[in-house]
C-alpha atoms as a PDB file:
ATOM      1  CA  UNK A   1      85.260  52.182  58.033  1.00  0.00           C
ATOM      2  CA  UNK A   2      85.343  50.162  55.075  1.00  0.00           C
ATOM      3  CA  UNK A   3      82.067  48.430  54.175  1.00  0.00           C
ATOM      4  CA  UNK A   4      82.267  45.597  51.806  1.00  0.00           C
ATOM      5  CA  UNK A   5      79.454  44.620  49.625  1.00  0.00           C
ATOM      6  CA  UNK A   6      78.498  41.041  49.596  1.00  0.00           C
ATOM      7  CA  UNK A   7      78.690  39.505  46.230  1.00  0.00           C
ATOM      8  CA  UNK A   8      76.911  36.282  47.072  1.00  0.00           C
ATOM      9  CA  UNK A   9      73.745  37.059  45.226  1.00  0.00           C
ATOM     10  CA  UNK A  10      71.829  34.219  43.679  1.00  0.00           C
ATOM     11  CA  UNK A  11      71.886  33.937  39.959  1.00  0.00           C
ATOM     12  CA  UNK A  12      68.593  34.627  38.249  1.00  0.00           C
ATOM     13  CA  UNK A  13      67.493  31.718  36.083  1.00  0.00           C
ATOM     14  CA  UNK A  14      64.278  30.579  34.488  1.00  0.00           C
ATOM     15  CA  UNK A  15      63.191  27.078  35.273  1.00  0.00           C
ATOM     16  CA  UNK A  16      62.138  25.574  31.897  1.00  0.00           C
ATOM     17  CA  UNK A  17      60.694  22.305  33.200  1.00  0.00           C
ATOM     18  CA  UNK A  18      57.139  23.611  33.911  1.00  0.00           C
ATOM     19  CA  UNK A  19      57.160  25.483  30.595  1.00  0.00           C
ATOM     20  CA  UNK A  20      58.028  22.327  28.689  1.00  0.00           C
ATOM     21  CA  UNK A  21      55.334  20.383  30.577  1.00  0.00           C
ATOM     22  CA  UNK A  22      52.669  22.925  29.628  1.00  0.00           C
ATOM     23  CA  UNK A  23      53.737  22.920  25.976  1.00  0.00           C
ATOM     24  CA  UNK A  24      53.594  19.109  25.847  1.00  0.00           C
ATOM     25  CA  UNK A  25      50.147  19.087  27.467  1.00  0.00           C
ATOM     26  CA  UNK A  26      48.877  21.592  24.903  1.00  0.00           C
ATOM     27  CA  UNK A  27      50.377  19.542  22.090  1.00  0.00           C
ATOM     28  CA  UNK A  28      48.670  16.361  23.347  1.00  0.00           C
ATOM     29  CA  UNK A  29      45.358  18.215  23.761  1.00  0.00           C
ATOM     30  CA  UNK A  30      45.399  19.531  20.202  1.00  0.00           C
ATOM     31  CA  UNK A  31      46.457  16.173  18.774  1.00  0.00           C
ATOM     32  CA  UNK A  32      43.598  14.372  20.517  1.00  0.00           C
ATOM     33  CA  UNK A  33      40.933  16.947  19.723  1.00  0.00           C
ATOM     34  CA  UNK A  34      41.807  17.349  16.038  1.00  0.00           C
ATOM     35  CA  UNK A  35      40.331  15.061  13.408  1.00  0.00           C
ATOM     36  CA  UNK A  36      42.602  13.944  10.644  1.00  0.00           C
ATOM     37  CA  UNK A  37      39.991  12.623   8.225  1.00  0.00           C
ATOM     38  CA  UNK A  38      40.195  13.748   4.678  1.00  0.00           C
ATOM     39  CA  UNK A  39      36.801  13.938   3.042  1.00  0.00           C
ATOM     40  CA  UNK A  40      36.708  13.140  -0.612  1.00  0.00           C
ATOM     41  CA  UNK A  41      34.035  14.271  -3.020  1.00  0.00           C
ATOM     42  CA  UNK A  42      33.351  12.694  -6.352  1.00  0.00           C
ATOM     43  CA  UNK A  43      33.033  14.995  -9.304  1.00  0.00           C
ATOM     44  CA  UNK A  44      30.286  13.548 -11.472  1.00  0.00           C
ATOM     45  CA  UNK A  45      29.319  14.907 -14.856  1.00  0.00           C
ATOM     46  CA  UNK A  46      25.767  13.663 -15.375  1.00  0.00           C
ATOM     47  CA  UNK A  47      24.445  13.119 -18.886  1.00  0.00           C
ATOM     48  CA  UNK A  48      21.820  15.473 -20.226  1.00  0.00           C
ATOM     49  CA  UNK A  49      18.800  14.635 -22.339  1.00  0.00           C
ATOM     50  CA  UNK A  50      17.110  16.660 -24.999  1.00  0.00           C
ATOM     51  CA  UNK A  51      13.826  14.750 -25.081  1.00  0.00           C
ATOM     52  CA  UNK A  52      10.495  16.004 -23.870  1.00  0.00           C
ATOM     53  CA  UNK A  53       9.130  15.075 -20.477  1.00  0.00           C
ATOM     54  CA  UNK A  54       6.281  12.550 -20.633  1.00  0.00           C
ATOM     55  CA  UNK A  55       3.187  13.691 -18.816  1.00  0.00           C
ATOM     56  CA  UNK A  56       1.547  10.299 -18.401  1.00  0.00           C
ATOM     57  CA  UNK A  57       2.782   7.396 -16.353  1.00  0.00           C
ATOM     58  CA  UNK A  58       3.655   4.232 -18.251  1.00  0.00           C
ATOM     59  CA  UNK A  59       0.948   1.605 -18.201  1.00  0.00           C
ATOM     60  CA  UNK A  60       1.223  -0.796 -15.294  1.00  0.00           C
ATOM     61  CA  UNK A  61      -0.805  -3.771 -14.124  1.00  0.00           C
ATOM     62  CA  UNK A  62      -1.668  -4.331 -10.471  1.00  0.00           C
ATOM     63  CA  UNK A  63      -2.639  -7.672  -8.974  1.00  0.00           C
ATOM     64  CA  UNK A  64      -4.393  -7.237  -5.628  1.00  0.00           C
ATOM     65  CA  UNK A  65      -4.711 -10.203  -3.284  1.00  0.00           C
ATOM     66  CA  UNK A  66      -7.138 -10.053  -0.366  1.00  0.00           C
ATOM     67  CA  UNK A  67      -6.747 -11.585   3.086  1.00  0.00           C
ATOM     68  CA  UNK A  68      -8.747 -14.632   2.005  1.00  0.00           C
ATOM     69  CA  UNK A  69      -6.637 -15.142  -1.158  1.00  0.00           C
ATOM     70  CA  UNK A  70      -9.033 -13.638  -3.725  1.00  0.00           C
ATOM     71  CA  UNK A  71      -7.405 -12.025  -6.763  1.00  0.00           C
ATOM     72  CA  UNK A  72      -8.213  -8.777  -8.561  1.00  0.00           C
ATOM     73  CA  UNK A  73      -6.396  -7.565 -11.686  1.00  0.00           C
ATOM     74  CA  UNK A  74      -6.515  -3.776 -12.122  1.00  0.00           C
ATOM     75  CA  UNK A  75      -9.470  -3.590  -9.749  1.00  0.00           C
ATOM     76  CA  UNK A  76     -11.539  -6.267 -11.507  1.00  0.00           C
ATOM     77  CA  UNK A  77     -12.176  -9.280  -9.274  1.00  0.00           C
ATOM     78  CA  UNK A  78     -11.599 -12.770 -10.646  1.00  0.00           C
ATOM     79  CA  UNK A  79     -14.148 -15.566 -10.339  1.00  0.00           C
ATOM     80  CA  UNK A  80     -11.662 -17.935  -8.692  1.00  0.00           C
ATOM     81  CA  UNK A  81      -8.087 -18.162  -7.532  1.00  0.00           C
ATOM     82  CA  UNK A  82      -6.944 -20.661 -10.167  1.00  0.00           C
ATOM     83  CA  UNK A  83      -3.625 -20.127 -11.943  1.00  0.00           C
ATOM     84  CA  UNK A  84      -5.231 -20.375 -15.400  1.00  0.00           C
ATOM     85  CA  UNK A  85      -7.846 -17.732 -14.555  1.00  0.00           C
ATOM     86  CA  UNK A  86      -5.171 -15.355 -13.344  1.00  0.00           C
ATOM     87  CA  UNK A  87      -3.037 -15.978 -16.450  1.00  0.00           C
ATOM     88  CA  UNK A  88      -5.984 -15.286 -18.767  1.00  0.00           C
ATOM     89  CA  UNK A  89      -6.802 -12.057 -16.928  1.00  0.00           C
ATOM     90  CA  UNK A  90      -3.169 -10.903 -17.073  1.00  0.00           C
ATOM     91  CA  UNK A  91      -2.934 -11.762 -20.782  1.00  0.00           C
ATOM     92  CA  UNK A  92      -6.137  -9.837 -21.512  1.00  0.00           C
ATOM     93  CA  UNK A  93      -5.079  -6.727 -19.556  1.00  0.00           C
ATOM     94  CA  UNK A  94      -1.499  -6.674 -20.875  1.00  0.00           C
ATOM     95  CA  UNK A  95      -2.558  -7.528 -24.462  1.00  0.00           C
ATOM     96  CA  UNK A  96       0.450  -9.820 -24.767  1.00  0.00           C
ATOM     97  CA  UNK A  97       3.013  -7.160 -23.758  1.00  0.00           C
ATOM     98  CA  UNK A  98       5.157  -8.739 -21.049  1.00  0.00           C
ATOM     99  CA  UNK A  99       7.369  -5.639 -20.665  1.00  0.00           C
ATOM    100  CA  UNK A 100       4.608  -3.782 -18.803  1.00  0.00           C
ATOM    101  CA  UNK A 101       5.465  -3.303 -15.096  1.00  0.00           C
ATOM    102  CA  UNK A 102       3.511  -5.688 -12.859  1.00  0.00           C
ATOM    103  CA  UNK A 103       2.781  -4.815  -9.228  1.00  0.00           C
ATOM    104  CA  UNK A 104       1.618  -7.390  -6.689  1.00  0.00           C
ATOM    105  CA  UNK A 105      -0.201  -5.918  -3.696  1.00  0.00           C
ATOM    106  CA  UNK A 106      -1.160  -8.390  -0.990  1.00  0.00           C
ATOM    107  CA  UNK A 107      -2.747  -8.093   2.439  1.00  0.00           C
ATOM    108  CA  UNK A 108      -0.437  -8.734   5.397  1.00  0.00           C
ATOM    109  CA  UNK A 109      -2.427 -11.850   6.299  1.00  0.00           C
ATOM    110  CA  UNK A 110      -2.624 -13.210   2.742  1.00  0.00           C
ATOM    111  CA  UNK A 111      -1.656 -16.880   2.445  1.00  0.00           C
ATOM    112  CA  UNK A 112       1.827 -17.222   1.027  1.00  0.00           C
ATOM    113  CA  UNK A 113       0.545 -19.625  -1.635  1.00  0.00           C
ATOM    114  CA  UNK A 114      -1.617 -16.890  -3.179  1.00  0.00           C
ATOM    115  CA  UNK A 115       1.398 -14.595  -3.587  1.00  0.00           C
ATOM    116  CA  UNK A 116       3.443 -17.441  -5.092  1.00  0.00           C
ATOM    117  CA  UNK A 117       0.581 -18.200  -7.496  1.00  0.00           C
ATOM    118  CA  UNK A 118       0.562 -14.573  -8.680  1.00  0.00           C
ATOM    119  CA  UNK A 119       4.344 -14.630  -9.127  1.00  0.00           C
ATOM    120  CA  UNK A 120       4.128 -17.957 -10.977  1.00  0.00           C
ATOM    121  CA  UNK A 121       1.480 -16.619 -13.375  1.00  0.00           C
ATOM    122  CA  UNK A 122       3.620 -13.547 -14.063  1.00  0.00           C
ATOM    123  CA  UNK A 123       6.678 -15.702 -14.649  1.00  0.00           C
ATOM    124  CA  UNK A 124       4.877 -18.067 -17.013  1.00  0.00           C
ATOM    125  CA  UNK A 125       3.632 -15.119 -19.081  1.00  0.00           C
ATOM    126  CA  UNK A 126       7.162 -13.664 -19.265  1.00  0.00           C
ATOM    127  CA  UNK A 127       6.751 -10.545 -17.113  1.00  0.00           C
ATOM    128  CA  UNK A 128      10.181  -9.263 -16.105  1.00  0.00           C
ATOM    129  CA  UNK A 129       9.296  -6.005 -14.295  1.00  0.00           C
ATOM    130  CA  UNK A 130       7.747  -7.394 -11.112  1.00  0.00           C
ATOM    131  CA  UNK A 131       7.298  -5.322  -7.944  1.00  0.00           C
ATOM    132  CA  UNK A 132       5.857  -6.084  -4.523  1.00  0.00           C
ATOM    133  CA  UNK A 133       4.233  -3.253  -2.597  1.00  0.00           C
ATOM    134  CA  UNK A 134       4.581  -2.617   1.111  1.00  0.00           C
ATOM    135  CA  UNK A 135       3.524   0.096   3.490  1.00  0.00           C
ATOM    136  CA  UNK A 136       4.942   1.604   6.668  1.00  0.00           C
ATOM    137  CA  UNK A 137       3.667   0.359  10.005  1.00  0.00           C
ATOM    138  CA  UNK A 138       1.452   2.814  11.826  1.00  0.00           C
ATOM    139  CA  UNK A 139       0.584   2.758  15.498  1.00  0.00           C
ATOM    140  CA  UNK A 140      -3.133   2.401  14.720  1.00  0.00           C
ATOM    141  CA  UNK A 141      -2.515  -1.023  13.137  1.00  0.00           C
ATOM    142  CA  UNK A 142      -0.998  -2.521  16.281  1.00  0.00           C
END
């Protein structure tokens, strides 16, 4: 008896299609999840000073305006709200130095005209460092 072996065996092969699909999915995932922003930082060489630190604050003048429109310059109330009275008080406190910082503090319900009057007096006297003060809202004020 002569037995013959069958030679019809299937060829072994690797199917590459699912492998390629997985590699493409990984590539897409990494491309989407990666950020490509380049952060830049400025290199700044700040100047240095050799002077001494001043302990006292520079002199400043504060004009306070109440809810009814009454003026006070550095805590001293004025007799009226006239422009000339305010200018005289500012000239006396500043001693003619218009480079002194001037701060205007007004109540939230102050008439707008009173604030404009204070700004006008400062402008006529030549004050150039003018600031307006504000404060943060708190829940107790509402």
